[in-house]
Amino acid sequence: MFTISLVGQKGGTGKTTVAVGLAVAASIAGMVAAVIDVDPQASATNWKDRRAAENPAVVSAQASRLKQTLDAARNGGAEFVVIDTAGRNDDSALNAARLSDLVLIPTRANVVEIETLKAVSDLLRIAGNPKAFVVLNGVHPASTKTADDAREMVRAIFGLECAPVHLCHRQAYAEAPMTGQSPQELDADGKAGVELDRLFRFVIEHVKKGTFEHV
């Protein structure tokens, strides 16, 4: 079972959007996928309540019971699990990072958001430096330079790697959750859906070639 966690210092960075988007991508790829929602705001759980499709499963859990919840998911046959944490560095984020094969850090591509990565970098160090990538989100579709500059800033200041895939500011990311969907379900060939599929493929590539899968 592959375990991916979404962490960040603040809310509004797109953690839940990425979490459910990856889980949906895994389901489309034929994997048994689930989201474990340890965010008190329960955004992923609320998304599931609006959703007609059965998969992926979404489980609301307490941060202190995260390991037990992951064990239950594994015993239930889950193959790809995404942990959606609170929009701050707390026990849920720390536990998730420690128990994950890969940590993703969605971040808006501006200096104010990027400066919050100092706290996330510290959390990763405490968690034992799990493999992690910053995922730039909300990038203007016509401005690849913004993403390139943000990647360089993240690398130079915090020593963190950015995923080569970034997510742009697109209407589909706002529209899809209204009906408990992810953008690739609204339009598989739409640009937002393609971005999420590329991010999923990047994630799968890294968890499969690594030796850090939790069993």
C-alpha atoms as a PDB file:
ATOM      1  CA  MET A   1       0.000   0.000   0.000  1.00  0.00           C
ATOM      2  CA  PHE A   2       1.303   3.425  -0.943  1.00  0.00           C
ATOM      3  CA  THR A   3       0.677   6.237   1.523  1.00  0.00           C
ATOM      4  CA  ILE A   4       0.827   9.884   0.457  1.00  0.00           C
ATOM      5  CA  SER A   5       0.306  12.781   2.854  1.00  0.00           C
ATOM      6  CA  LEU A   6      -0.610  16.392   2.130  1.00  0.00           C
ATOM      7  CA  VAL A   7       0.813  18.841   4.655  1.00  0.00           C
ATOM      8  CA  GLY A   8       1.215  22.589   4.972  1.00  0.00           C
ATOM      9  CA  GLN A   9       1.570  25.446   7.397  1.00  0.00           C
ATOM     10  CA  LYS A  10      -1.644  27.209   6.409  1.00  0.00           C
ATOM     11  CA  GLY A  11      -5.047  26.616   4.892  1.00  0.00           C
ATOM     12  CA  GLY A  12      -6.141  27.597   1.409  1.00  0.00           C
ATOM     13  CA  THR A  13      -3.187  26.045  -0.389  1.00  0.00           C
ATOM     14  CA  GLY A  14      -5.204  23.312  -2.092  1.00  0.00           C
ATOM     15  CA  LYS A  15      -4.371  20.301   0.073  1.00  0.00           C
ATOM     16  CA  THR A  16      -7.842  18.800  -0.132  1.00  0.00           C
ATOM     17  CA  THR A  17      -8.110  19.481  -3.866  1.00  0.00           C
ATOM     18  CA  VAL A  18      -4.851  17.626  -4.459  1.00  0.00           C
ATOM     19  CA  ALA A  19      -5.746  14.851  -1.999  1.00  0.00           C
ATOM     20  CA  VAL A  20      -9.071  13.951  -3.588  1.00  0.00           C
ATOM     21  CA  GLY A  21      -7.689  14.570  -7.083  1.00  0.00           C
ATOM     22  CA  LEU A  22      -4.933  12.014  -6.556  1.00  0.00           C
ATOM     23  CA  ALA A  23      -7.334   9.517  -4.988  1.00  0.00           C
ATOM     24  CA  VAL A  24      -9.725   9.857  -7.925  1.00  0.00           C
ATOM     25  CA  ALA A  25      -6.811   9.444 -10.345  1.00  0.00           C
ATOM     26  CA  ALA A  26      -5.800   6.250  -8.548  1.00  0.00           C
ATOM     27  CA  SER A  27      -9.372   4.953  -8.754  1.00  0.00           C
ATOM     28  CA  ILE A  28      -9.509   5.707 -12.476  1.00  0.00           C
ATOM     29  CA  ALA A  29      -6.223   3.802 -12.852  1.00  0.00           C
ATOM     30  CA  GLY A  30      -7.871   0.748 -11.282  1.00  0.00           C
ATOM     31  CA  MET A  31      -6.364   0.998  -7.814  1.00  0.00           C
ATOM     32  CA  VAL A  32      -8.286   0.653  -4.561  1.00  0.00           C
ATOM     33  CA  ALA A  33      -7.929   4.199  -3.250  1.00  0.00           C
ATOM     34  CA  ALA A  34      -8.912   5.994  -0.071  1.00  0.00           C
ATOM     35  CA  VAL A  35      -8.555   9.377   1.594  1.00  0.00           C
ATOM     36  CA  ILE A  36      -7.994   9.605   5.335  1.00  0.00           C
ATOM     37  CA  ASP A  37      -9.250  12.970   6.535  1.00  0.00           C
ATOM     38  CA  VAL A  38      -7.549  14.123   9.747  1.00  0.00           C
ATOM     39  CA  ASP A  39      -8.337  17.802   9.164  1.00  0.00           C
ATOM     40  CA  PRO A  40     -10.871  19.094  11.746  1.00  0.00           C
ATOM     41  CA  GLN A  41     -12.469  21.143   8.955  1.00  0.00           C
ATOM     42  CA  ALA A  42     -13.371  17.810   7.316  1.00  0.00           C
ATOM     43  CA  SER A  43     -13.238  19.218   3.778  1.00  0.00           C
ATOM     44  CA  ALA A  44     -12.540  15.830   2.190  1.00  0.00           C
ATOM     45  CA  THR A  45     -15.317  14.220   4.221  1.00  0.00           C
ATOM     46  CA  ASN A  46     -17.748  16.925   3.132  1.00  0.00           C
ATOM     47  CA  TRP A  47     -16.646  16.391  -0.469  1.00  0.00           C
ATOM     48  CA  LYS A  48     -17.473  12.694  -0.116  1.00  0.00           C
ATOM     49  CA  ASP A  49     -20.928  13.549   1.257  1.00  0.00           C
ATOM     50  CA  ARG A  50     -21.661  15.391  -1.996  1.00  0.00           C
ATOM     51  CA  ARG A  51     -20.316  12.568  -4.130  1.00  0.00           C
ATOM     52  CA  ALA A  52     -22.459   9.995  -5.932  1.00  0.00           C
ATOM     53  CA  ALA A  53     -19.645   7.580  -6.832  1.00  0.00           C
ATOM     54  CA  GLU A  54     -18.571   5.037  -4.229  1.00  0.00           C
ATOM     55  CA  ASN A  55     -14.838   5.314  -4.873  1.00  0.00           C
ATOM     56  CA  PRO A  56     -12.564   6.542  -3.527  1.00  0.00           C
ATOM     57  CA  ALA A  57     -13.505   5.907   0.080  1.00  0.00           C
ATOM     58  CA  VAL A  58     -13.062   8.796   2.510  1.00  0.00           C
ATOM     59  CA  VAL A  59     -12.544   8.074   6.195  1.00  0.00           C
ATOM     60  CA  SER A  60     -12.614  10.736   8.898  1.00  0.00           C
ATOM     61  CA  ALA A  61     -10.052   9.912  11.584  1.00  0.00           C
ATOM     62  CA  GLN A  62      -8.353  11.319  14.644  1.00  0.00           C
ATOM     63  CA  ALA A  63      -4.689  12.184  14.272  1.00  0.00           C
ATOM     64  CA  SER A  64      -3.844  10.096  17.334  1.00  0.00           C
ATOM     65  CA  ARG A  65      -5.407   7.036  15.637  1.00  0.00           C
ATOM     66  CA  LEU A  66      -3.781   7.519  12.248  1.00  0.00           C
ATOM     67  CA  LYS A  67      -1.595   4.409  12.365  1.00  0.00           C
ATOM     68  CA  GLN A  68      -4.555   2.242  13.322  1.00  0.00           C
ATOM     69  CA  THR A  69      -6.624   3.779  10.538  1.00  0.00           C
ATOM     70  CA  LEU A  70      -3.858   3.084   8.016  1.00  0.00           C
ATOM     71  CA  ASP A  71      -3.612  -0.507   9.253  1.00  0.00           C
ATOM     72  CA  ALA A  72      -7.361  -0.911   8.762  1.00  0.00           C
ATOM     73  CA  ALA A  73      -7.112   0.506   5.242  1.00  0.00           C
ATOM     74  CA  ARG A  74      -4.288  -1.894   4.408  1.00  0.00           C
ATOM     75  CA  ASN A  75      -6.207  -4.854   5.827  1.00  0.00           C
ATOM     76  CA  GLY A  76      -9.225  -3.751   3.809  1.00  0.00           C
ATOM     77  CA  GLY A  77      -7.280  -3.993   0.573  1.00  0.00           C
ATOM     78  CA  ALA A  78      -6.417  -0.338  -0.033  1.00  0.00           C
ATOM     79  CA  GLU A  79      -3.562   0.178  -2.476  1.00  0.00           C
ATOM     80  CA  PHE A  80      -3.266   3.976  -2.580  1.00  0.00           C
ATOM     81  CA  VAL A  81      -4.068   6.095   0.475  1.00  0.00           C
ATOM     82  CA  VAL A  82      -3.913   9.875   0.713  1.00  0.00           C
ATOM     83  CA  ILE A  83      -3.863  11.618   4.100  1.00  0.00           C
ATOM     84  CA  ASP A  84      -5.408  15.091   4.167  1.00  0.00           C
ATOM     85  CA  THR A  85      -4.047  16.987   7.178  1.00  0.00           C
ATOM     86  CA  ALA A  86      -4.977  20.242   8.877  1.00  0.00           C
ATOM     87  CA  GLY A  87      -3.847  23.587   7.480  1.00  0.00           C
ATOM     88  CA  ARG A  88      -1.147  23.996  10.084  1.00  0.00           C
ATOM     89  CA  ASN A  89       1.805  22.127  11.524  1.00  0.00           C
ATOM     90  CA  ASP A  90       0.397  19.951  14.283  1.00  0.00           C
ATOM     91  CA  ASP A  91       0.330  16.334  15.409  1.00  0.00           C
ATOM     92  CA  SER A  92      -1.754  15.303  12.411  1.00  0.00           C
ATOM     93  CA  ALA A  93       0.839  16.617   9.968  1.00  0.00           C
ATOM     94  CA  LEU A  94       3.771  15.190  11.934  1.00  0.00           C
ATOM     95  CA  ASN A  95       2.203  11.747  12.287  1.00  0.00           C
ATOM     96  CA  ALA A  96       1.188  11.727   8.637  1.00  0.00           C
ATOM     97  CA  ALA A  97       4.689  12.638   7.473  1.00  0.00           C
ATOM     98  CA  ARG A  98       6.220   9.901   9.603  1.00  0.00           C
ATOM     99  CA  LEU A  99       3.845   7.263   8.269  1.00  0.00           C
ATOM    100  CA  SER A 100       3.975   8.225   4.595  1.00  0.00           C
ATOM    101  CA  ASP A 101       5.943   7.006   1.634  1.00  0.00           C
ATOM    102  CA  LEU A 102       5.797  10.470   0.114  1.00  0.00           C
ATOM    103  CA  VAL A 103       4.857  13.926   1.415  1.00  0.00           C
ATOM    104  CA  LEU A 104       3.367  16.578  -0.852  1.00  0.00           C
ATOM    105  CA  ILE A 105       3.255  20.241   0.158  1.00  0.00           C
ATOM    106  CA  PRO A 106       0.810  22.256  -1.960  1.00  0.00           C
ATOM    107  CA  THR A 107       1.892  25.893  -2.001  1.00  0.00           C
ATOM    108  CA  ARG A 108       0.703  28.969  -3.854  1.00  0.00           C
ATOM    109  CA  ALA A 109       3.412  30.355  -6.106  1.00  0.00           C
ATOM    110  CA  ASN A 110       3.988  33.657  -4.323  1.00  0.00           C
ATOM    111  CA  VAL A 111       6.564  34.804  -1.797  1.00  0.00           C
ATOM    112  CA  VAL A 112       4.116  35.104   1.116  1.00  0.00           C
ATOM    113  CA  GLU A 113       3.077  31.470   0.757  1.00  0.00           C
ATOM    114  CA  ILE A 114       6.587  30.239   0.057  1.00  0.00           C
ATOM    115  CA  GLU A 115       7.883  31.830   3.255  1.00  0.00           C
ATOM    116  CA  THR A 116       5.624  29.491   5.271  1.00  0.00           C
ATOM    117  CA  LEU A 117       7.710  26.554   4.050  1.00  0.00           C
ATOM    118  CA  LYS A 118      10.271  27.204   6.799  1.00  0.00           C
ATOM    119  CA  ALA A 119       7.893  25.658   9.332  1.00  0.00           C
ATOM    120  CA  VAL A 120       7.148  22.750   7.001  1.00  0.00           C
ATOM    121  CA  SER A 121      10.861  22.171   6.458  1.00  0.00           C
ATOM    122  CA  ASP A 122      11.329  21.994  10.229  1.00  0.00           C
ATOM    123  CA  LEU A 123       8.439  19.529  10.516  1.00  0.00           C
ATOM    124  CA  LEU A 124       9.964  17.278   7.870  1.00  0.00           C
ATOM    125  CA  ARG A 125      13.263  17.281   9.728  1.00  0.00           C
ATOM    126  CA  ILE A 126      11.520  16.261  12.964  1.00  0.00           C
ATOM    127  CA  ALA A 127       9.650  13.550  11.056  1.00  0.00           C
ATOM    128  CA  GLY A 128      12.935  12.048   9.869  1.00  0.00           C
ATOM    129  CA  ASN A 129      13.206  13.752   6.481  1.00  0.00           C
ATOM    130  CA  PRO A 130      10.724  11.682   4.476  1.00  0.00           C
ATOM    131  CA  LYS A 131      10.786  12.095   0.716  1.00  0.00           C
ATOM    132  CA  ALA A 132       8.853  15.284  -0.011  1.00  0.00           C
ATOM    133  CA  PHE A 133       7.962  17.569  -2.897  1.00  0.00           C
ATOM    134  CA  VAL A 134       6.406  21.006  -2.991  1.00  0.00           C
ATOM    135  CA  VAL A 135       3.490  21.173  -5.439  1.00  0.00           C
ATOM    136  CA  LEU A 136       3.016  24.682  -6.786  1.00  0.00           C
ATOM    137  CA  ASN A 137      -0.672  25.497  -7.032  1.00  0.00           C
ATOM    138  CA  GLY A 138      -2.762  28.321  -8.459  1.00  0.00           C
ATOM    139  CA  VAL A 139      -0.152  29.275 -11.062  1.00  0.00           C
ATOM    140  CA  HIS A 140      -1.410  31.615 -13.787  1.00  0.00           C
ATOM    141  CA  PRO A 141      -1.846  29.481 -16.922  1.00  0.00           C
ATOM    142  CA  ALA A 142       0.091  31.981 -19.046  1.00  0.00           C
ATOM    143  CA  SER A 143       3.024  32.422 -16.669  1.00  0.00           C
ATOM    144  CA  THR A 144       5.496  29.557 -16.599  1.00  0.00           C
ATOM    145  CA  LYS A 145       8.130  32.039 -15.408  1.00  0.00           C
ATOM    146  CA  THR A 146       6.214  32.428 -12.137  1.00  0.00           C
ATOM    147  CA  ALA A 147       6.457  28.688 -11.529  1.00  0.00           C
ATOM    148  CA  ASP A 148      10.133  28.590 -12.520  1.00  0.00           C
ATOM    149  CA  ASP A 149      10.987  31.484 -10.200  1.00  0.00           C
ATOM    150  CA  ALA A 150       9.031  29.893  -7.344  1.00  0.00           C
ATOM    151  CA  ARG A 151      10.822  26.561  -7.804  1.00  0.00           C
ATOM    152  CA  GLU A 152      14.186  28.290  -7.658  1.00  0.00           C
ATOM    153  CA  MET A 153      13.193  30.201  -4.509  1.00  0.00           C
ATOM    154  CA  VAL A 154      11.967  27.044  -2.774  1.00  0.00           C
ATOM    155  CA  ARG A 155      15.167  25.210  -3.646  1.00  0.00           C
ATOM    156  CA  ALA A 156      17.542  28.048  -2.798  1.00  0.00           C
ATOM    157  CA  ILE A 157      15.994  29.094   0.509  1.00  0.00           C
ATOM    158  CA  PHE A 158      14.668  25.850   1.969  1.00  0.00           C
ATOM    159  CA  GLY A 159      16.452  23.112   0.049  1.00  0.00           C
ATOM    160  CA  LEU A 160      13.122  21.539  -0.892  1.00  0.00           C
ATOM    161  CA  GLU A 161      12.386  19.969  -4.245  1.00  0.00           C
ATOM    162  CA  CYS A 162       9.376  20.997  -6.301  1.00  0.00           C
ATOM    163  CA  ALA A 163       7.420  18.508  -8.341  1.00  0.00           C
ATOM    164  CA  PRO A 164       7.908  19.133 -12.064  1.00  0.00           C
ATOM    165  CA  VAL A 165       4.123  19.276 -12.391  1.00  0.00           C
ATOM    166  CA  HIS A 166       2.333  22.401 -11.181  1.00  0.00           C
ATOM    167  CA  LEU A 167      -1.385  23.146 -10.998  1.00  0.00           C
ATOM    168  CA  CYS A 168      -2.766  26.250 -12.637  1.00  0.00           C
ATOM    169  CA  HIS A 169      -5.603  28.519 -11.596  1.00  0.00           C
ATOM    170  CA  ARG A 170      -8.523  26.942 -13.442  1.00  0.00           C
ATOM    171  CA  GLN A 171     -12.290  27.097 -12.990  1.00  0.00           C
ATOM    172  CA  ALA A 172     -12.581  23.304 -12.932  1.00  0.00           C
ATOM    173  CA  TYR A 173     -10.842  23.167  -9.552  1.00  0.00           C
ATOM    174  CA  ALA A 174     -13.656  25.284  -8.098  1.00  0.00           C
ATOM    175  CA  GLU A 175     -16.539  23.673  -9.982  1.00  0.00           C
ATOM    176  CA  ALA A 176     -15.786  19.975  -9.502  1.00  0.00           C
ATOM    177  CA  PRO A 177     -15.993  19.855  -5.664  1.00  0.00           C
ATOM    178  CA  MET A 178     -19.500  21.315  -5.731  1.00  0.00           C
ATOM    179  CA  THR A 179     -20.807  17.935  -6.846  1.00  0.00           C
ATOM    180  CA  GLY A 180     -18.223  15.792  -5.078  1.00  0.00           C
ATOM    181  CA  GLN A 181     -16.086  15.354  -8.143  1.00  0.00           C
ATOM    182  CA  SER A 182     -12.522  15.998  -9.238  1.00  0.00           C
ATOM    183  CA  PRO A 183     -11.675  17.924 -12.428  1.00  0.00           C
ATOM    184  CA  GLN A 184     -10.690  14.840 -14.418  1.00  0.00           C
ATOM    185  CA  GLU A 185     -14.226  13.504 -13.911  1.00  0.00           C
ATOM    186  CA  LEU A 186     -15.774  16.653 -15.352  1.00  0.00           C
ATOM    187  CA  ASP A 187     -13.536  16.526 -18.404  1.00  0.00           C
ATOM    188  CA  ALA A 188     -10.806  13.907 -18.633  1.00  0.00           C
ATOM    189  CA  ASP A 189      -9.137  15.831 -21.451  1.00  0.00           C
ATOM    190  CA  GLY A 190      -9.512  19.225 -19.770  1.00  0.00           C
ATOM    191  CA  LYS A 191      -6.369  21.003 -18.673  1.00  0.00           C
ATOM    192  CA  ALA A 192      -7.038  20.637 -14.932  1.00  0.00           C
ATOM    193  CA  GLY A 193      -7.710  16.922 -15.315  1.00  0.00           C
ATOM    194  CA  VAL A 194      -4.525  16.489 -17.323  1.00  0.00           C
ATOM    195  CA  GLU A 195      -2.527  18.307 -14.622  1.00  0.00           C
ATOM    196  CA  LEU A 196      -3.858  16.004 -11.904  1.00  0.00           C
ATOM    197  CA  ASP A 197      -3.193  12.923 -14.022  1.00  0.00           C
ATOM    198  CA  ARG A 198       0.394  14.057 -14.612  1.00  0.00           C
ATOM    199  CA  LEU A 199       0.850  14.678 -10.891  1.00  0.00           C
ATOM    200  CA  PHE A 200      -0.541  11.218 -10.093  1.00  0.00           C
ATOM    201  CA  ARG A 201       1.858   9.618 -12.578  1.00  0.00           C
ATOM    202  CA  PHE A 202       4.753  11.531 -11.022  1.00  0.00           C
ATOM    203  CA  VAL A 203       3.742  10.332  -7.542  1.00  0.00           C
ATOM    204  CA  ILE A 204       3.377   6.716  -8.657  1.00  0.00           C
ATOM    205  CA  GLU A 205       6.755   6.832 -10.379  1.00  0.00           C
ATOM    206  CA  HIS A 206       8.446   7.930  -7.171  1.00  0.00           C
ATOM    207  CA  VAL A 207       6.722   5.597  -4.739  1.00  0.00           C
ATOM    208  CA  LYS A 208       7.276   2.606  -7.010  1.00  0.00           C
ATOM    209  CA  LYS A 209      10.960   3.184  -7.612  1.00  0.00           C
ATOM    210  CA  GLY A 210      11.698   4.031  -3.980  1.00  0.00           C
ATOM    211  CA  THR A 211      12.594   1.558  -1.265  1.00  0.00           C
ATOM    212  CA  PHE A 212      10.560   3.381   1.342  1.00  0.00           C
ATOM    213  CA  GLU A 213       7.115   1.790   0.885  1.00  0.00           C
ATOM    214  CA  HIS A 214       5.455   1.125   4.256  1.00  0.00           C
ATOM    215  CA  VAL A 215       4.277  -2.464   4.610  1.00  0.00           C
END
